[in-house]
C-alpha atoms as a PDB file:
ATOM      1  CA  GLY A   1     -24.994 -17.952 -31.347  1.00  0.00           C
ATOM      2  CA  ALA A   2     -22.279 -15.424 -30.620  1.00  0.00           C
ATOM      3  CA  LEU A   3     -24.793 -12.836 -29.415  1.00  0.00           C
ATOM      4  CA  GLN A   4     -26.319 -15.246 -26.903  1.00  0.00           C
ATOM      5  CA  LYS A   5     -22.865 -16.127 -25.583  1.00  0.00           C
ATOM      6  CA  LEU A   6     -22.049 -12.438 -25.073  1.00  0.00           C
ATOM      7  CA  VAL A   7     -25.355 -11.852 -23.278  1.00  0.00           C
ATOM      8  CA  GLN A   8     -24.663 -14.851 -21.019  1.00  0.00           C
ATOM      9  CA  ARG A   9     -21.155 -13.592 -20.277  1.00  0.00           C
ATOM     10  CA  GLN A  10     -22.579 -10.194 -19.315  1.00  0.00           C
ATOM     11  CA  SER A  11     -25.014 -11.912 -16.963  1.00  0.00           C
ATOM     12  CA  ASP A  12     -22.202 -14.031 -15.475  1.00  0.00           C
ATOM     13  CA  ASN A  13     -20.049 -10.923 -15.038  1.00  0.00           C
ATOM     14  CA  ALA A  14     -22.799  -9.102 -13.132  1.00  0.00           C
ATOM     15  CA  PHE A  15     -23.442 -12.178 -10.966  1.00  0.00           C
ATOM     16  CA  GLU A  16     -19.733 -12.581 -10.192  1.00  0.00           C
ATOM     17  CA  GLU A  17     -19.452  -8.923  -9.197  1.00  0.00           C
ATOM     18  CA  LYS A  18     -22.452  -9.227  -6.882  1.00  0.00           C
ATOM     19  CA  ARG A  19     -21.101 -12.451  -5.346  1.00  0.00           C
ATOM     20  CA  THR A  20     -17.625 -10.988  -4.778  1.00  0.00           C
ATOM     21  CA  LEU A  21     -18.977  -7.817  -3.168  1.00  0.00           C
ATOM     22  CA  ALA A  22     -21.276  -9.878  -0.932  1.00  0.00           C
ATOM     23  CA  GLU A  23     -18.341 -12.033   0.203  1.00  0.00           C
ATOM     24  CA  LEU A  24     -16.288  -8.936   0.985  1.00  0.00           C
ATOM     25  CA  ASP A  25     -19.189  -7.464   2.960  1.00  0.00           C
ATOM     26  CA  ARG A  26     -19.560 -10.674   4.964  1.00  0.00           C
ATOM     27  CA  ALA A  27     -15.823 -10.757   5.623  1.00  0.00           C
ATOM     28  CA  TRP A  28     -15.922  -7.150   6.823  1.00  0.00           C
ATOM     29  CA  GLN A  29     -18.915  -7.858   9.105  1.00  0.00           C
ATOM     30  CA  THR A  30     -17.058 -10.814  10.606  1.00  0.00           C
ATOM     31  CA  ALA A  31     -13.962  -8.657  11.110  1.00  0.00           C
ATOM     32  CA  GLN A  32     -16.058  -5.914  12.726  1.00  0.00           C
ATOM     33  CA  ALA A  33     -17.543  -8.426  15.162  1.00  0.00           C
ATOM     34  CA  LYS A  34     -14.056  -9.611  16.095  1.00  0.00           C
ATOM     35  CA  PHE A  35     -12.822  -6.061  16.589  1.00  0.00           C
ATOM     36  CA  ALA A  36     -15.861  -5.258  18.747  1.00  0.00           C
ATOM     37  CA  ALA A  37     -15.162  -8.336  20.866  1.00  0.00           C
ATOM     38  CA  GLU A  38     -11.529  -7.249  21.211  1.00  0.00           C
ATOM     39  CA  ARG A  39     -12.591  -3.757  22.314  1.00  0.00           C
ATOM     40  CA  LYS A  40     -14.995  -5.232  24.854  1.00  0.00           C
ATOM     41  CA  LYS A  41     -12.290  -7.562  26.102  1.00  0.00           C
ATOM     42  CA  LEU A  42      -9.829  -4.686  26.480  1.00  0.00           C
ATOM     43  CA  SER A  43     -12.406  -2.633  28.383  1.00  0.00           C
ATOM     44  CA  ALA A  44     -13.080  -5.562  30.724  1.00  0.00           C
ATOM     45  CA  GLN A  45      -9.349  -6.101  31.211  1.00  0.00           C
ATOM     46  CA  GLU A  46      -8.876  -2.419  31.992  1.00  0.00           C
ATOM     47  CA  SER A  47     -11.642  -2.516  34.603  1.00  0.00           C
ATOM     48  CA  GLU A  48     -10.213  -5.697  36.104  1.00  0.00           C
ATOM     49  CA  THR A  49      -6.712  -4.215  36.121  1.00  0.00           C
ATOM     50  CA  LEU A  50      -7.917  -1.024  37.808  1.00  0.00           C
ATOM     51  CA  ALA A  51      -9.896  -3.012  40.374  1.00  0.00           C
ATOM     52  CA  ALA A  52      -6.947  -5.293  41.089  1.00  0.00           C
ATOM     53  CA  ALA A  53      -4.587  -2.323  41.335  1.00  0.00           C
ATOM     54  CA  LEU A  54      -6.983  -0.538  43.711  1.00  0.00           C
ATOM     55  CA  GLU A  55      -7.307  -3.673  45.844  1.00  0.00           C
ATOM     56  CA  GLN A  56      -3.544  -4.029  45.944  1.00  0.00           C
ATOM     57  CA  PHE A  57      -3.185  -0.350  46.788  1.00  0.00           C
ATOM     58  CA  LYS A  58      -5.761  -0.606  49.579  1.00  0.00           C
ATOM     59  CA  THR A  59      -4.102  -3.747  50.960  1.00  0.00           C
ATOM     60  CA  GLN A  60      -0.789  -1.946  50.945  1.00  0.00           C
ATOM     61  CA  LYS A  61      -2.266   1.050  52.735  1.00  0.00           C
ATOM     62  CA  PHE A  62      -4.128  -1.248  55.128  1.00  0.00           C
ATOM     63  CA  THR A  63      -0.944  -3.091  56.054  1.00  0.00           C
ATOM     64  CA  GLN A  64       1.002   0.145  56.386  1.00  0.00           C
ATOM     65  CA  ALA A  65      -1.664   1.593  58.671  1.00  0.00           C
ATOM     66  CA  LEU A  66      -1.769  -1.517  60.873  1.00  0.00           C
ATOM     67  CA  GLU A  67       2.011  -1.475  61.111  1.00  0.00           C
ATOM     68  CA  SER A  68       1.741   1.947  62.700  1.00  0.00           C
ATOM     69  CA  TYR A  69      -0.042   0.408  65.709  1.00  0.00           C
ATOM     70  CA  ARG A  70       2.516  -1.296  67.931  1.00  0.00           C
ATOM     71  CA  ILE A  71       1.512  -4.049  70.317  1.00  0.00           C
ATOM     72  CA  ALA A  72       3.805  -2.513  72.880  1.00  0.00           C
ATOM     73  CA  ASP A  73       1.594   0.566  72.828  1.00  0.00           C
ATOM     74  CA  ALA A  74      -1.695  -1.326  73.004  1.00  0.00           C
ATOM     75  CA  PRO A  75      -3.894  -0.038  75.863  1.00  0.00           C
ATOM     76  CA  LEU A  76      -4.286  -3.402  77.559  1.00  0.00           C
ATOM     77  CA  PRO A  77      -3.266  -2.714  81.151  1.00  0.00           C
ATOM     78  CA  GLY A  78      -3.077  -5.687  83.456  1.00  0.00           C
ATOM     79  CA  LEU A  79      -3.319  -8.152  80.559  1.00  0.00           C
ATOM     80  CA  LEU A  80      -0.066  -7.868  78.663  1.00  0.00           C
ATOM     81  CA  SER A  81       2.961  -7.385  80.867  1.00  0.00           C
ATOM     82  CA  ARG A  82       6.169  -5.938  79.523  1.00  0.00           C
ATOM     83  CA  GLU A  83       7.763  -9.381  79.603  1.00  0.00           C
ATOM     84  CA  LEU A  84       4.882 -10.848  77.564  1.00  0.00           C
ATOM     85  CA  LYS A  85       5.069  -8.039  75.029  1.00  0.00           C
ATOM     86  CA  GLN A  86       8.791  -8.726  74.663  1.00  0.00           C
ATOM     87  CA  GLN A  87       7.995 -12.408  74.182  1.00  0.00           C
ATOM     88  CA  LEU A  88       5.440 -11.504  71.493  1.00  0.00           C
ATOM     89  CA  ALA A  89       8.015  -9.352  69.709  1.00  0.00           C
ATOM     90  CA  ALA A  90      10.571 -12.152  69.882  1.00  0.00           C
ATOM     91  CA  MET A  91       8.040 -14.467  68.224  1.00  0.00           C
ATOM     92  CA  GLY A  92       7.459 -11.928  65.421  1.00  0.00           C
ATOM     93  CA  PHE A  93       4.342 -10.170  66.716  1.00  0.00           C
ATOM     94  CA  VAL A  94       5.357  -6.518  66.850  1.00  0.00           C
ATOM     95  CA  THR A  95       2.459  -4.574  65.340  1.00  0.00           C
ATOM     96  CA  ALA A  96      -1.229  -5.090  64.729  1.00  0.00           C
ATOM     97  CA  ALA A  97      -0.364  -6.144  61.173  1.00  0.00           C
ATOM     98  CA  ASP A  98       1.522  -9.169  62.548  1.00  0.00           C
ATOM     99  CA  VAL A  99      -1.548 -10.529  64.311  1.00  0.00           C
ATOM    100  CA  VAL A 100      -3.883 -11.892  61.653  1.00  0.00           C
ATOM    101  CA  ASN A 101      -6.056 -14.256  63.688  1.00  0.00           C
ATOM    102  CA  PHE A 102      -5.947 -16.844  66.431  1.00  0.00           C
ATOM    103  CA  ARG A 103      -6.544 -20.554  66.845  1.00  0.00           C
ATOM    104  CA  VAL A 104      -7.152 -22.874  69.784  1.00  0.00           C
ATOM    105  CA  ALA A 105      -5.463 -26.241  69.269  1.00  0.00           C
ATOM    106  CA  PRO A 106      -5.743 -29.340  71.492  1.00  0.00           C
ATOM    107  CA  THR A 107      -2.527 -30.648  73.050  1.00  0.00           C
ATOM    108  CA  SER A 108      -1.628 -33.427  75.475  1.00  0.00           C
ATOM    109  CA  THR A 109      -1.866 -30.991  78.378  1.00  0.00           C
ATOM    110  CA  GLY A 110      -5.127 -29.347  77.247  1.00  0.00           C
ATOM    111  CA  MET A 111      -6.221 -26.567  74.841  1.00  0.00           C
ATOM    112  CA  GLN A 112      -3.496 -24.198  73.614  1.00  0.00           C
ATOM    113  CA  PHE A 113      -4.062 -20.601  72.428  1.00  0.00           C
ATOM    114  CA  GLN A 114      -2.074 -19.758  69.260  1.00  0.00           C
ATOM    115  CA  LEU A 115      -1.671 -16.606  67.235  1.00  0.00           C
ATOM    116  CA  VAL A 116      -1.762 -16.689  63.397  1.00  0.00           C
ATOM    117  CA  ASN A 117       0.915 -14.500  61.819  1.00  0.00           C
ATOM    118  CA  ARG A 118       1.087 -12.862  58.326  1.00  0.00           C
ATOM    119  CA  GLN A 119       2.222 -16.116  56.765  1.00  0.00           C
ATOM    120  CA  ARG A 120      -0.977 -17.755  58.055  1.00  0.00           C
ATOM    121  CA  LYS A 121       1.084 -19.873  60.450  1.00  0.00           C
ATOM    122  CA  ALA A 122      -0.232 -20.647  63.957  1.00  0.00           C
ATOM    123  CA  ILE A 123       2.385 -19.963  66.647  1.00  0.00           C
ATOM    124  CA  TYR A 124       2.242 -20.586  70.364  1.00  0.00           C
ATOM    125  CA  VAL A 125       3.583 -17.733  72.482  1.00  0.00           C
ATOM    126  CA  PRO A 126       4.550 -18.880  75.990  1.00  0.00           C
ATOM    127  CA  GLY A 127       2.545 -17.051  78.639  1.00  0.00           C
ATOM    128  CA  LEU A 128      -0.220 -16.025  76.210  1.00  0.00           C
ATOM    129  CA  ASP A 129      -3.383 -17.873  77.046  1.00  0.00           C
ATOM    130  CA  GLY A 130      -6.962 -17.251  76.032  1.00  0.00           C
ATOM    131  CA  LYS A 131      -7.545 -14.782  78.862  1.00  0.00           C
ATOM    132  CA  ARG A 132      -4.746 -12.518  77.587  1.00  0.00           C
ATOM    133  CA  GLY A 133      -4.877 -13.457  73.913  1.00  0.00           C
ATOM    134  CA  VAL A 134      -8.552 -12.652  73.219  1.00  0.00           C
ATOM    135  CA  PRO A 135      -8.209  -8.995  74.319  1.00  0.00           C
ATOM    136  CA  LEU A 136      -5.171  -8.736  72.041  1.00  0.00           C
ATOM    137  CA  ILE A 137      -7.271 -10.053  69.131  1.00  0.00           C
ATOM    138  CA  LEU A 138     -10.087  -7.621  69.929  1.00  0.00           C
ATOM    139  CA  TRP A 139      -7.618  -4.743  70.012  1.00  0.00           C
ATOM    140  CA  ARG A 140      -6.267  -5.814  66.640  1.00  0.00           C
ATOM    141  CA  ARG A 141      -9.775  -5.939  65.147  1.00  0.00           C
ATOM    142  CA  ALA A 142     -10.579  -2.501  66.524  1.00  0.00           C
ATOM    143  CA  MET A 143      -7.472  -1.135  64.806  1.00  0.00           C
ATOM    144  CA  GLU A 144      -8.494  -2.933  61.610  1.00  0.00           C
ATOM    145  CA  ALA A 145     -11.928  -1.309  61.642  1.00  0.00           C
ATOM    146  CA  ARG A 146     -10.399   2.111  62.247  1.00  0.00           C
ATOM    147  CA  VAL A 147      -7.960   1.650  59.339  1.00  0.00           C
ATOM    148  CA  LYS A 148     -10.644   0.408  56.928  1.00  0.00           C
ATOM    149  CA  ARG A 149     -12.698   3.547  57.492  1.00  0.00           C
ATOM    150  CA  SER A 150      -9.781   5.643  56.313  1.00  0.00           C
ATOM    151  CA  LEU A 151      -8.734   3.569  53.300  1.00  0.00           C
ATOM    152  CA  PRO A 152      -8.802   5.387  49.909  1.00  0.00           C
ATOM    153  CA  ASP A 153     -11.477   4.461  47.349  1.00  0.00           C
ATOM    154  CA  THR A 154      -9.447   5.414  44.298  1.00  0.00           C
ATOM    155  CA  LEU A 155      -5.997   4.859  42.949  1.00  0.00           C
ATOM    156  CA  PRO A 156      -3.427   7.604  42.930  1.00  0.00           C
ATOM    157  CA  PRO A 157      -3.778   9.690  39.724  1.00  0.00           C
ATOM    158  CA  ASP A 158      -0.403   8.635  38.333  1.00  0.00           C
ATOM    159  CA  VAL A 159      -1.135   4.936  38.829  1.00  0.00           C
ATOM    160  CA  SER A 160      -4.582   5.106  37.234  1.00  0.00           C
ATOM    161  CA  ALA A 161      -3.187   7.281  34.415  1.00  0.00           C
ATOM    162  CA  ASN A 162      -0.470   4.719  33.629  1.00  0.00           C
ATOM    163  CA  ILE A 163      -3.018   1.912  33.510  1.00  0.00           C
ATOM    164  CA  ALA A 164      -5.386   3.987  31.373  1.00  0.00           C
ATOM    165  CA  LYS A 165      -2.566   4.878  28.963  1.00  0.00           C
ATOM    166  CA  LYS A 166      -1.617   1.225  28.570  1.00  0.00           C
ATOM    167  CA  PHE A 167      -5.129   0.223  27.561  1.00  0.00           C
ATOM    168  CA  LYS A 168      -5.680   3.347  25.493  1.00  0.00           C
ATOM    169  CA  ASP A 169      -2.594   2.467  23.474  1.00  0.00           C
ATOM    170  CA  ALA A 170      -4.007  -1.027  23.020  1.00  0.00           C
ATOM    171  CA  GLN A 171      -7.336   0.446  21.864  1.00  0.00           C
ATOM    172  CA  VAL A 172      -5.544   2.731  19.408  1.00  0.00           C
ATOM    173  CA  THR A 173      -3.587  -0.216  18.019  1.00  0.00           C
ATOM    174  CA  LEU A 174      -6.830  -2.129  17.620  1.00  0.00           C
ATOM    175  CA  GLN A 175      -8.479   0.835  15.891  1.00  0.00           C
ATOM    176  CA  LEU A 176      -5.560   1.083  13.470  1.00  0.00           C
ATOM    177  CA  LYS A 177      -5.897  -2.616  12.659  1.00  0.00           C
ATOM    178  CA  GLU A 178      -9.618  -2.157  12.111  1.00  0.00           C
ATOM    179  CA  LEU A 179      -9.041   0.876   9.900  1.00  0.00           C
ATOM    180  CA  LYS A 180      -6.413  -0.999   7.880  1.00  0.00           C
ATOM    181  CA  LYS A 181      -8.804  -3.917   7.455  1.00  0.00           C
ATOM    182  CA  GLN A 182     -11.602  -1.589   6.336  1.00  0.00           C
ATOM    183  CA  GLN A 183      -9.308   0.124   3.828  1.00  0.00           C
ATOM    184  CA  GLN A 184      -8.269  -3.261   2.450  1.00  0.00           C
ATOM    185  CA  VAL A 185     -11.891  -4.346   2.097  1.00  0.00           C
ATOM    186  CA  ASP A 186     -12.781  -1.049   0.388  1.00  0.00           C
ATOM    187  CA  LYS A 187      -9.818  -1.460  -1.948  1.00  0.00           C
ATOM    188  CA  ASP A 188     -10.859  -5.024  -2.783  1.00  0.00           C
ATOM    189  CA  LYS A 189     -14.446  -3.898  -3.428  1.00  0.00           C
ATOM    190  CA  THR A 190     -13.253  -1.068  -5.664  1.00  0.00           C
ATOM    191  CA  ARG A 191     -10.979  -3.455  -7.559  1.00  0.00           C
ATOM    192  CA  ALA A 192     -13.801  -5.974  -8.008  1.00  0.00           C
ATOM    193  CA  ALA A 193     -16.227  -3.293  -9.199  1.00  0.00           C
ATOM    194  CA  GLU A 194     -13.634  -1.844 -11.589  1.00  0.00           C
ATOM    195  CA  HIS A 195     -12.855  -5.276 -12.990  1.00  0.00           C
ATOM    196  CA  ALA A 196     -16.562  -5.926 -13.522  1.00  0.00           C
ATOM    197  CA  ARG A 197     -16.978  -2.503 -15.155  1.00  0.00           C
ATOM    198  CA  GLN A 198     -14.083  -3.099 -17.531  1.00  0.00           C
ATOM    199  CA  GLU A 199     -15.383  -6.540 -18.404  1.00  0.00           C
ATOM    200  CA  GLN A 200     -18.849  -5.116 -19.008  1.00  0.00           C
ATOM    201  CA  ALA A 201     -17.394  -2.421 -21.275  1.00  0.00           C
ATOM    202  CA  ARG A 202     -15.348  -4.991 -23.172  1.00  0.00           C
ATOM    203  CA  LEU A 203     -18.374  -7.233 -23.695  1.00  0.00           C
ATOM    204  CA  THR A 204     -20.431  -4.217 -24.786  1.00  0.00           C
ATOM    205  CA  ARG A 205     -17.778  -3.327 -27.357  1.00  0.00           C
ATOM    206  CA  GLU A 206     -17.795  -6.891 -28.607  1.00  0.00           C
ATOM    207  CA  MET A 207     -21.579  -6.740 -28.981  1.00  0.00           C
ATOM    208  CA  GLN A 208     -21.313  -3.441 -30.834  1.00  0.00           C
ATOM    209  CA  GLU A 209     -18.582  -4.836 -33.089  1.00  0.00           C
ATOM    210  CA  LEU A 210     -20.491  -8.054 -33.747  1.00  0.00           C
ATOM    211  CA  PRO A 211     -22.389  -6.801 -36.855  1.00  0.00           C
ATOM    212  CA  ALA A 212     -19.197  -5.387 -38.365  1.00  0.00           C
ATOM    213  CA  ARG A 213     -17.398  -8.665 -37.670  1.00  0.00           C
ATOM    214  CA  PHE A 214     -20.209 -10.585 -39.352  1.00  0.00           C
ATOM    215  CA  ARG A 215     -20.090  -8.251 -42.350  1.00  0.00           C
ATOM    216  CA  HIS A 216     -16.329  -8.639 -42.553  1.00  0.00           C
ATOM    217  CA  SER A 217     -16.669 -12.420 -42.382  1.00  0.00           C
ATOM    218  CA  ILE A 218     -19.310 -12.380 -45.127  1.00  0.00           C
ATOM    219  CA  GLU A 219     -17.082 -10.147 -47.255  1.00  0.00           C
ATOM    220  CA  ASN A 220     -14.177 -12.525 -46.788  1.00  0.00           C
ATOM    221  CA  VAL A 221     -16.341 -15.465 -47.764  1.00  0.00           C
ATOM    222  CA  GLU A 222     -17.618 -13.590 -50.819  1.00  0.00           C
ATOM    223  CA  GLN A 223     -14.059 -12.692 -51.817  1.00  0.00           C
ATOM    224  CA  GLU A 224     -13.017 -16.298 -51.468  1.00  0.00           C
ATOM    225  CA  LEU A 225     -15.999 -17.425 -53.562  1.00  0.00           C
ATOM    226  CA  THR A 226     -15.168 -14.823 -56.211  1.00  0.00           C
ATOM    227  CA  GLN A 227     -11.564 -15.977 -56.315  1.00  0.00           C
ATOM    228  CA  LEU A 228     -12.693 -19.606 -56.555  1.00  0.00           C
ATOM    229  CA  ARG A 229     -15.048 -18.763 -59.411  1.00  0.00           C
ATOM    230  CA  LYS A 230     -12.247 -16.889 -61.212  1.00  0.00           C
ATOM    231  CA  THR A 231      -9.838 -19.768 -60.722  1.00  0.00           C
ATOM    232  CA  GLN A 232     -12.451 -22.253 -61.904  1.00  0.00           C
ATOM    233  CA  ALA A 233     -13.176 -20.147 -65.031  1.00  0.00           C
ATOM    234  CA  GLU A 234      -9.455 -19.931 -65.813  1.00  0.00           C
ATOM    235  CA  GLN A 235      -9.070 -23.672 -65.424  1.00  0.00           C
ATOM    236  CA  GLU A 236     -12.106 -24.338 -67.615  1.00  0.00           C
ATOM    237  CA  TRP A 237     -10.734 -21.996 -70.340  1.00  0.00           C
ATOM    238  CA  ALA A 238      -7.314 -23.660 -70.181  1.00  0.00           C
ATOM    239  CA  LEU A 239      -9.013 -27.057 -70.521  1.00  0.00           C
ATOM    240  CA  LEU A 240     -11.012 -25.807 -73.521  1.00  0.00           C
ATOM    241  CA  LEU A 241      -7.850 -24.518 -75.220  1.00  0.00           C
ATOM    242  CA  ALA A 242      -6.098 -27.808 -74.562  1.00  0.00           C
ATOM    243  CA  ARG A 243      -8.971 -29.733 -76.113  1.00  0.00           C
ATOM    244  CA  ARG A 244      -8.935 -27.464 -79.197  1.00  0.00           C
ATOM    245  CA  GLN A 245      -5.194 -27.998 -79.594  1.00  0.00           C
ATOM    246  CA  LEU A 246      -5.556 -31.748 -79.231  1.00  0.00           C
ATOM    247  CA  SER A 247      -8.401 -31.855 -81.795  1.00  0.00           C
ATOM    248  CA  ALA A 248      -5.874 -30.878 -84.507  1.00  0.00           C
ATOM    249  CA  TYR A 249      -4.112 -34.219 -83.916  1.00  0.00           C
ATOM    250  CA  ALA A 250      -7.246 -36.361 -83.723  1.00  0.00           C
ATOM    251  CA  HIS A 251      -6.610 -37.922 -87.242  1.00  0.00           C
ATOM    252  CA  ILE A 252      -3.074 -39.051 -86.324  1.00  0.00           C
ATOM    253  CA  ASN A 253      -2.577 -42.784 -85.637  1.00  0.00           C
ATOM    254  CA  PHE A 254       0.332 -45.177 -85.699  1.00  0.00           C
ATOM    255  CA  PHE A 255       0.094 -46.162 -89.333  1.00  0.00           C
ATOM    256  CA  ASN A 256      -0.328 -42.573 -90.505  1.00  0.00           C
ATOM    257  CA  TYR A 257       2.743 -41.731 -88.503  1.00  0.00           C
ATOM    258  CA  LEU A 258       4.707 -44.558 -90.197  1.00  0.00           C
ATOM    259  CA  LYS A 259       3.462 -43.476 -93.618  1.00  0.00           C
ATOM    260  CA  SER A 260       4.663 -39.906 -92.948  1.00  0.00           C
ATOM    261  CA  ILE A 261       8.115 -41.250 -92.133  1.00  0.00           C
ATOM    262  CA  ALA A 262       8.593 -44.128 -94.636  1.00  0.00           C
ATOM    263  CA  GLY A 263       6.284 -43.261 -97.496  1.00  0.00           C
ATOM    264  CA  LYS A 264       3.501 -45.430 -98.873  1.00  0.00           C
ATOM    265  CA  ASN A 265       5.588 -47.917-100.923  1.00  0.00           C
ATOM    266  CA  ASP A 266       8.264 -48.393 -98.250  1.00  0.00           C
ATOM    267  CA  LEU A 267       5.596 -48.879 -95.602  1.00  0.00           C
ATOM    268  CA  GLN A 268       4.024 -51.676 -97.613  1.00  0.00           C
ATOM    269  CA  SER A 269       7.462 -53.294 -98.011  1.00  0.00           C
ATOM    270  CA  VAL A 270       8.058 -53.064 -94.282  1.00  0.00           C
ATOM    271  CA  MET A 271       4.688 -54.557 -93.457  1.00  0.00           C
ATOM    272  CA  ILE A 272       5.072 -57.429 -95.997  1.00  0.00           C
ATOM    273  CA  GLY A 273       8.606 -58.239 -94.787  1.00  0.00           C
ATOM    274  CA  SER A 274       7.528 -58.217 -91.181  1.00  0.00           C
ATOM    275  CA  VAL A 275       4.647 -60.565 -91.867  1.00  0.00           C
ATOM    276  CA  HIS A 276       6.957 -62.842 -93.908  1.00  0.00           C
ATOM    277  CA  ASN A 277       9.449 -63.129 -91.065  1.00  0.00           C
ATOM    278  CA  LEU A 278       6.708 -63.745 -88.533  1.00  0.00           C
ATOM    279  CA  SER A 279       5.350 -66.528 -90.763  1.00  0.00           C
ATOM    280  CA  TYR A 280       8.712 -68.296 -90.776  1.00  0.00           C
ATOM    281  CA  GLY A 281       9.419 -67.990 -87.046  1.00  0.00           C
ATOM    282  CA  GLY A 282      11.413 -64.820 -87.287  1.00  0.00           C
ATOM    283  CA  ARG A 283      11.881 -62.117 -84.711  1.00  0.00           C
ATOM    284  CA  SER A 284       9.119 -59.964 -83.253  1.00  0.00           C
ATOM    285  CA  TRP A 285       7.410 -57.730 -85.701  1.00  0.00           C
ATOM    286  CA  GLN A 286       8.404 -54.641 -83.674  1.00  0.00           C
ATOM    287  CA  SER A 287      12.119 -55.353 -84.031  1.00  0.00           C
ATOM    288  CA  ILE A 288      11.729 -56.256 -87.691  1.00  0.00           C
ATOM    289  CA  MET A 289       9.864 -53.073 -88.449  1.00  0.00           C
ATOM    290  CA  ARG A 290      12.375 -51.032 -86.481  1.00  0.00           C
ATOM    291  CA  GLN A 291      15.248 -52.516 -88.504  1.00  0.00           C
ATOM    292  CA  ARG A 292      13.523 -52.010 -91.880  1.00  0.00           C
ATOM    293  CA  LEU A 293      12.573 -48.428 -90.984  1.00  0.00           C
ATOM    294  CA  MET A 294      16.147 -47.661 -90.019  1.00  0.00           C
ATOM    295  CA  SER A 295      17.281 -49.139 -93.324  1.00  0.00           C
ATOM    296  CA  ILE A 296      14.830 -47.012 -95.275  1.00  0.00           C
ATOM    297  CA  SER A 297      15.869 -43.915 -93.294  1.00  0.00           C
ATOM    298  CA  THR A 298      19.524 -44.601 -94.036  1.00  0.00           C
ATOM    299  CA  ARG A 299      18.818 -45.077 -97.721  1.00  0.00           C
ATOM    300  CA  LYS A 300      16.937 -41.806 -97.894  1.00  0.00           C
ATOM    301  CA  ASP A 301      19.718 -39.983 -96.148  1.00  0.00           C
ATOM    302  CA  SER A 302      22.247 -41.418 -98.648  1.00  0.00           C
ATOM    303  CA  SER A 303      20.170 -40.312-101.581  1.00  0.00           C
ATOM    304  CA  LEU A 304      20.111 -36.824-100.200  1.00  0.00           C
ATOM    305  CA  ILE A 305      23.865 -36.763-100.054  1.00  0.00           C
END
């Protein structure tokens, strides 16, 4: 009945509230996992950016330090003449930074000693053979080892601070997005709970009002039945009165009616004349009687005058 339907609706309302809240919780857990992954990604990117910046900074310092060692000043007496050093400079080998490596390449006249410059290009320098070139390479590597021992292990404070600020701003933006998402989820949960509470209160009121509604319905039905009984009694009384009034005319028939109009003697004359005309193929008895009655009525009216 109605009560069972209300109880079922209350159960459905509670189930729907629980389902909605569970979905919102799952959505929030998924969002939290995504935000955590984003934070981890940002942290990894910051570390990679700092490491790359430090490597770039060290490479810059390394190159700058090697550029401070000029080949013309290299302590290689008896190996590199002034003319050969000028030839090296003309070919682009001025400092230790310009000499990256060496290579020995076969040619038609034999093996050729070549220097590798910053662009990783092998270049032959006339007059520079292996006997003179190897000491130059060893000098360059000694300068490289000396420079590496003095390279910084950290970035300059302003550089690291700029990088840290960039990723901190990104973290703050991510935190604001996470906070906004959490607030939205909380708002949705509050709205769902409030809707369920209002629905529960409405169903409770309906359950409380159910007896009164039933009583009101019963009263309406009783009022309708009372009105029907009253109407039926009135109709029955009217019918009884009509029957009593009609009983006063129960003795009236057609011939009594004619007698009251024409009188006994005239009625017999009318009847005999009508039968006589019918016997001799006259008109219908109704028309004959109508004519004779009109004649009698006219005669009576004349006598009154």
